[in-house]
Protein backbone atom coordinates (compact mmCIF):
# COMPACT_ATOMS: atom_id res chain seq x y z
CA SER A 1 54.88 154.06 62.02
CA ALA A 2 56.24 150.78 60.67
CA ASP A 3 56.64 152.26 57.17
CA GLU A 4 58.67 155.20 58.50
CA GLN A 5 60.84 152.88 60.60
CA ARG A 6 61.46 150.63 57.61
CA SER A 7 62.34 153.63 55.43
CA ASN A 8 64.82 154.90 58.04
CA LEU A 9 66.44 151.47 58.31
CA ILE A 10 66.77 151.17 54.54
CA GLN A 11 68.49 154.56 54.49
CA LYS A 12 70.80 153.42 57.31
CA VAL A 13 71.69 150.24 55.40
CA GLN A 14 72.54 152.32 52.34
CA GLU A 15 74.74 154.63 54.43
CA LEU A 16 76.55 151.68 56.06
CA GLU A 17 77.08 150.04 52.68
CA GLN A 18 78.55 153.31 51.42
CA SER A 19 80.82 153.56 54.49
CA LEU A 20 81.88 149.95 54.03
CA GLN A 21 82.69 150.62 50.39
CA SER A 22 84.73 153.68 51.42
CA ALA A 23 86.58 151.53 53.98
CA ARG A 24 87.31 148.92 51.31
CA GLU A 25 88.66 151.61 49.03
CA ALA A 26 90.79 153.06 51.87
CA ALA A 27 92.15 149.59 52.69
CA ALA A 28 92.94 148.99 49.03
CA ALA A 29 94.65 152.39 48.79
CA ALA A 30 96.66 151.71 51.95
CA ALA A 31 97.69 148.28 50.67
CA ALA A 32 98.70 149.78 47.32
CA GLU A 33 100.70 152.51 49.02
CA ALA A 34 102.45 149.93 51.21
CA GLY A 35 103.27 147.89 48.12
CA ARG A 36 104.73 150.89 46.34
CA LYS A 37 106.92 151.73 49.32
CA GLN A 38 108.16 148.15 49.55
CA GLN A 39 109.04 148.25 45.86
CA GLN A 40 110.84 151.57 46.30
CA ASP A 41 112.76 150.24 49.31
CA ALA A 42 113.73 147.10 47.44
CA ALA A 43 114.90 149.10 44.45
CA ALA A 44 117.06 151.33 46.65
CA ALA A 45 118.32 148.28 48.54
CA VAL A 46 117.37 150.03 51.71
CA ALA A 47 115.58 148.18 54.47
CA PRO A 48 112.23 149.71 55.34
CA VAL A 49 112.54 151.90 58.36
CA GLY A 50 109.31 152.49 60.32
CA GLY A 51 107.19 153.38 57.28
CA GLY A 52 106.22 149.80 56.57
CA ALA A 53 105.09 149.30 60.16
CA ALA A 54 103.05 152.48 59.99
CA ASP A 55 101.42 151.38 56.75
CA ALA A 56 100.68 147.93 58.20
CA GLY A 57 99.10 149.60 61.23
CA LYS A 58 96.97 151.76 58.99
CA ILE A 59 95.83 148.72 57.01
CA ALA A 60 94.97 146.89 60.24
CA GLU A 61 93.03 149.92 61.44
CA VAL A 62 91.06 150.13 58.23
CA LYS A 63 90.37 146.38 58.32
CA ALA A 64 89.12 146.66 61.90
CA GLU A 65 86.83 149.49 60.81
CA MET A 66 85.56 147.29 57.98
CA VAL A 67 84.80 144.48 60.43
CA GLN A 68 82.89 146.91 62.62
CA LEU A 69 80.96 148.29 59.65
CA ARG A 70 80.11 144.77 58.50
CA GLY A 71 78.76 144.00 61.98
CA GLN A 72 76.67 147.17 62.01
CA LEU A 73 75.42 146.43 58.51
CA ALA A 74 74.42 142.86 59.45
CA ALA A 75 72.61 144.09 62.59
CA THR A 76 70.78 146.79 60.64
CA ARG A 77 69.73 144.31 57.97
CA ARG A 78 68.37 141.98 60.65
CA GLU A 79 66.41 144.87 62.17
CA LEU A 80 65.13 145.82 58.74
CA GLN A 81 63.98 142.23 58.20
CA GLN A 82 62.11 142.28 61.53
CA VAL A 83 60.46 145.61 60.76
CA SER A 84 59.51 144.39 57.27
CA GLY A 85 57.95 141.31 58.87
CA ARG A 86 55.95 143.42 61.28
CA ALA A 87 54.88 145.73 58.46
CA ALA A 88 53.79 142.74 56.37
CA ALA A 89 51.81 141.34 59.32
CA ALA A 90 50.17 144.73 59.93
CA GLU A 91 49.29 145.02 56.23
CA ALA A 92 47.79 141.50 56.24
CA ALA A 93 45.72 142.37 59.34
CA LEU A 94 44.48 145.56 57.68
CA GLN A 95 43.53 143.64 54.54
CA GLN A 96 41.68 141.08 56.66
CA GLN A 97 39.86 143.85 58.52
CA ALA A 98 38.96 145.55 55.24
CA ALA A 99 37.61 142.25 53.89
CA ALA A 100 35.52 141.82 57.05
CA TYR A 101 34.14 145.36 56.66
CA GLU A 102 33.30 144.69 53.00
CA GLU A 103 31.53 141.46 53.96
CA ARG A 104 29.55 143.27 56.67
CA LEU A 105 28.65 146.03 54.21
CA ALA A 106 27.39 143.42 51.74
CA GLN A 107 25.31 141.81 54.49
CA LEU A 108 23.80 145.16 55.46
CA GLN A 109 23.01 145.97 51.84
CA ALA A 110 21.33 142.58 51.45
CA TRP A 111 19.45 143.13 54.72
CA TYR A 112 18.09 146.50 53.62
CA GLY A 113 17.22 145.05 50.24
CA LYS A 114 15.18 142.29 51.88
CA GLN A 115 13.54 144.80 54.18
CA ALA A 116 12.44 146.85 51.19
CA VAL A 117 11.00 143.73 49.53
CA VAL A 118 9.11 142.76 52.69
CA ALA A 119 7.74 146.28 53.14
CA GLY A 120 6.69 146.24 49.49
CA GLN A 121 4.84 142.95 49.97
CA LEU A 122 2.95 144.37 52.95
CA ARG A 123 2.01 147.53 51.08
CA LYS A 124 0.47 145.38 48.34
CA GLY A 125 -2.01 143.90 50.84
CA ARG A 126 -5.53 144.05 49.42
CA LYS A 127 -7.93 146.62 50.78
CA PRO A 128 -11.24 145.14 51.96
CA ALA A 129 -14.27 146.00 49.87
CA GLU A 130 -16.32 148.91 51.15
CA GLY A 131 -19.02 147.76 53.54
CA SER A 132 -17.63 144.22 53.88
CA VAL A 133 -15.79 144.85 57.14
CA ARG A 134 -17.75 144.11 60.29
CA PHE A 135 -14.81 144.08 62.68
CA THR A 136 -11.34 145.67 62.67
CA ASN A 137 -8.79 144.52 65.24
CA THR A 138 -6.03 147.07 65.81
CA ASN A 139 -2.82 146.44 67.72
CA ARG A 140 -0.19 149.06 68.49
CA PHE A 141 3.34 147.73 69.01
CA TRP A 142 6.65 149.17 70.19
CA LEU A 143 10.00 147.63 69.24
CA LYS A 144 13.65 148.51 68.85
CA GLN A 145 14.67 149.86 65.46
CA GLU A 146 16.89 146.84 64.73
CA LEU A 147 13.88 144.47 65.10
CA VAL A 148 11.78 146.14 62.39
CA PHE A 149 12.85 143.72 59.64
CA GLU A 150 12.10 140.58 61.68
CA PHE A 151 8.80 142.13 62.80
CA LEU A 152 7.71 142.87 59.21
CA LYS A 153 8.84 139.42 58.08
CA HIS A 154 6.59 137.88 60.75
CA TRP A 155 3.55 139.70 59.39
CA VAL A 156 4.27 138.58 55.83
CA LEU A 157 4.22 134.99 57.10
CA ARG A 158 1.09 135.57 59.16
CA GLU A 159 -0.75 137.20 56.27
CA SER A 160 0.04 134.23 54.01
CA GLN A 161 -1.68 131.98 56.59
CA LEU A 162 -4.56 134.39 57.17
CA GLN A 163 -5.43 134.25 53.48
CA GLN A 164 -6.71 130.72 54.12
CA GLN A 165 -8.75 131.73 57.18
CA PRO A 166 -12.54 132.07 56.71
CA GLY A 167 -13.74 135.59 57.39
CA PHE A 168 -10.36 137.28 56.89
CA LEU A 169 -10.55 140.35 54.64
CA GLY A 170 -7.18 142.06 54.80
CA LEU A 171 -4.18 143.28 56.81
CA GLN A 172 -2.40 146.59 57.06
CA VAL A 173 0.97 147.16 58.82
CA THR A 174 1.91 150.82 59.25
CA PRO A 175 5.18 151.85 60.94
CA VAL A 176 4.74 155.26 62.55
CA SER A 177 7.31 157.66 61.12
CA GLY A 178 10.21 158.66 63.32
CA VAL A 179 12.20 157.01 66.09
CA SER A 180 11.50 157.74 69.75
CA ALA A 181 14.13 159.08 72.14
CA ASP A 182 14.69 155.59 73.52
CA GLY A 183 15.43 154.15 70.07
CA GLY A 184 12.01 152.53 69.62
CA VAL A 185 9.55 152.44 66.73
CA ASP A 186 5.74 152.33 66.98
CA VAL A 187 3.94 150.11 64.48
CA LEU A 188 0.19 149.96 63.89
CA VAL A 189 -1.26 146.61 62.72
CA ALA A 190 -4.89 146.39 61.62
CA SER A 191 -6.64 143.19 60.52
CA TYR A 192 -10.07 143.27 58.87
CA TRP A 193 -12.73 140.60 59.45
CA GLU A 194 -16.27 139.77 58.48
CA SER A 195 -17.15 139.35 62.16
CA ILE A 196 -15.76 139.08 65.69
CA PRO A 197 -16.43 135.30 65.79
CA ALA A 198 -14.33 134.94 62.59
CA TYR A 199 -11.45 136.75 64.30
CA GLU A 200 -11.82 134.71 67.49
CA ALA A 201 -11.80 131.47 65.47
CA TRP A 202 -8.41 132.48 64.05
CA ARG A 203 -7.10 133.66 67.40
CA ASN A 204 -7.90 130.32 69.05
CA SER A 205 -6.54 128.22 66.17
CA SER A 206 -3.34 126.18 66.41
CA ALA A 207 -1.85 128.24 63.54
CA ALA A 208 -2.29 131.50 65.49
CA ILE A 209 -0.96 130.01 68.72
CA SER A 210 2.21 128.76 66.94
CA LEU A 211 3.09 132.22 65.60
CA HIS A 212 5.23 134.42 67.82
CA LEU A 213 6.42 137.98 67.32
CA PRO A 214 10.19 138.65 67.77
CA ASN A 215 11.50 138.84 71.33
CA GLY A 216 11.76 142.48 72.37
CA THR A 217 8.35 143.40 70.94
CA TYR A 218 5.93 145.21 73.28
CA GLN A 219 2.34 146.28 72.81
CA TYR A 220 0.21 149.13 74.06
CA VAL A 221 -3.09 148.50 75.87
CA PRO A 222 -5.87 148.70 73.24
CA LYS A 223 -7.96 151.84 73.27
CA ARG A 224 -11.72 151.73 73.04
CA GLY A 225 -12.73 150.55 69.59
CA GLU A 226 -9.36 148.93 68.79
CA GLY A 227 -10.23 145.34 69.71
CA PHE A 228 -8.22 142.53 71.26
CA PRO A 229 -4.61 142.67 72.48
CA GLU A 230 -2.02 140.26 71.05
CA ASP A 231 -1.48 137.11 73.11
CA PHE A 232 1.88 136.44 74.83
CA ILE A 233 3.25 139.97 74.20
CA PRO A 234 4.15 142.14 77.25
CA PHE A 235 2.51 145.53 77.65
CA ARG A 236 4.44 148.78 77.53
CA ASP A 237 1.83 150.76 79.46
CA TYR A 238 -0.81 149.99 82.07
CA ASP A 239 -2.80 153.21 82.13
CA GLN A 240 -5.94 151.31 81.14
CA ALA A 241 -7.46 147.96 82.00
CA VAL A 242 -6.10 145.18 79.80
CA ASN A 243 -9.13 143.71 78.08
CA ALA A 244 -10.88 143.72 74.73
CA LYS A 245 -12.38 147.10 73.74
CA TYR A 246 -14.68 147.17 70.73
């Protein structure tokens, strides 16, 4: 990983710096030794014979080693800088990704919170008085699990408009528990009316025509006694004739 590579390079820099320091000390020791020999030769009035050349060669060798170590150290530091840059970029990308995940989590939490509020509003729908209902229209829908919130939100809006409709008595939206093998959810929607003409007056109104369920919603053919199918919604099954049954 980038962290391991950076750690290895830091260790290498430290080792090269230590080697360079050892080379400096060796060069200093060689220079000091050469100086002592020159002083001894001068004191004895004897010209240096070979030893000075050997010492000078040793000093040159140590200096060459120092140059090489400095080059290695500079190259390693450059590599360390590059690795540190890559590590910083990787860390910034991870932080950005984490921030995106946190934002998505907040959105999902808000989404589920809204879904709970919407479901709560639907559950508070008033129950029609006993004996007041003359007609119940029941629709059975199928939709993908991810559409449930938009579907419920639609019925909250529709119920708010139905409250103003003459003859409307109440609405119940009941998601069937469990998810089918194909990832779908069945939802039962029942609306209660004083009469069939009251329901038909709503169904043919401009308000009803302007309301549309989310794309991806399907309905089942009504069974006998369930009433009218929803307009403009495709059917999931065709095992019965598609017409009103009441």
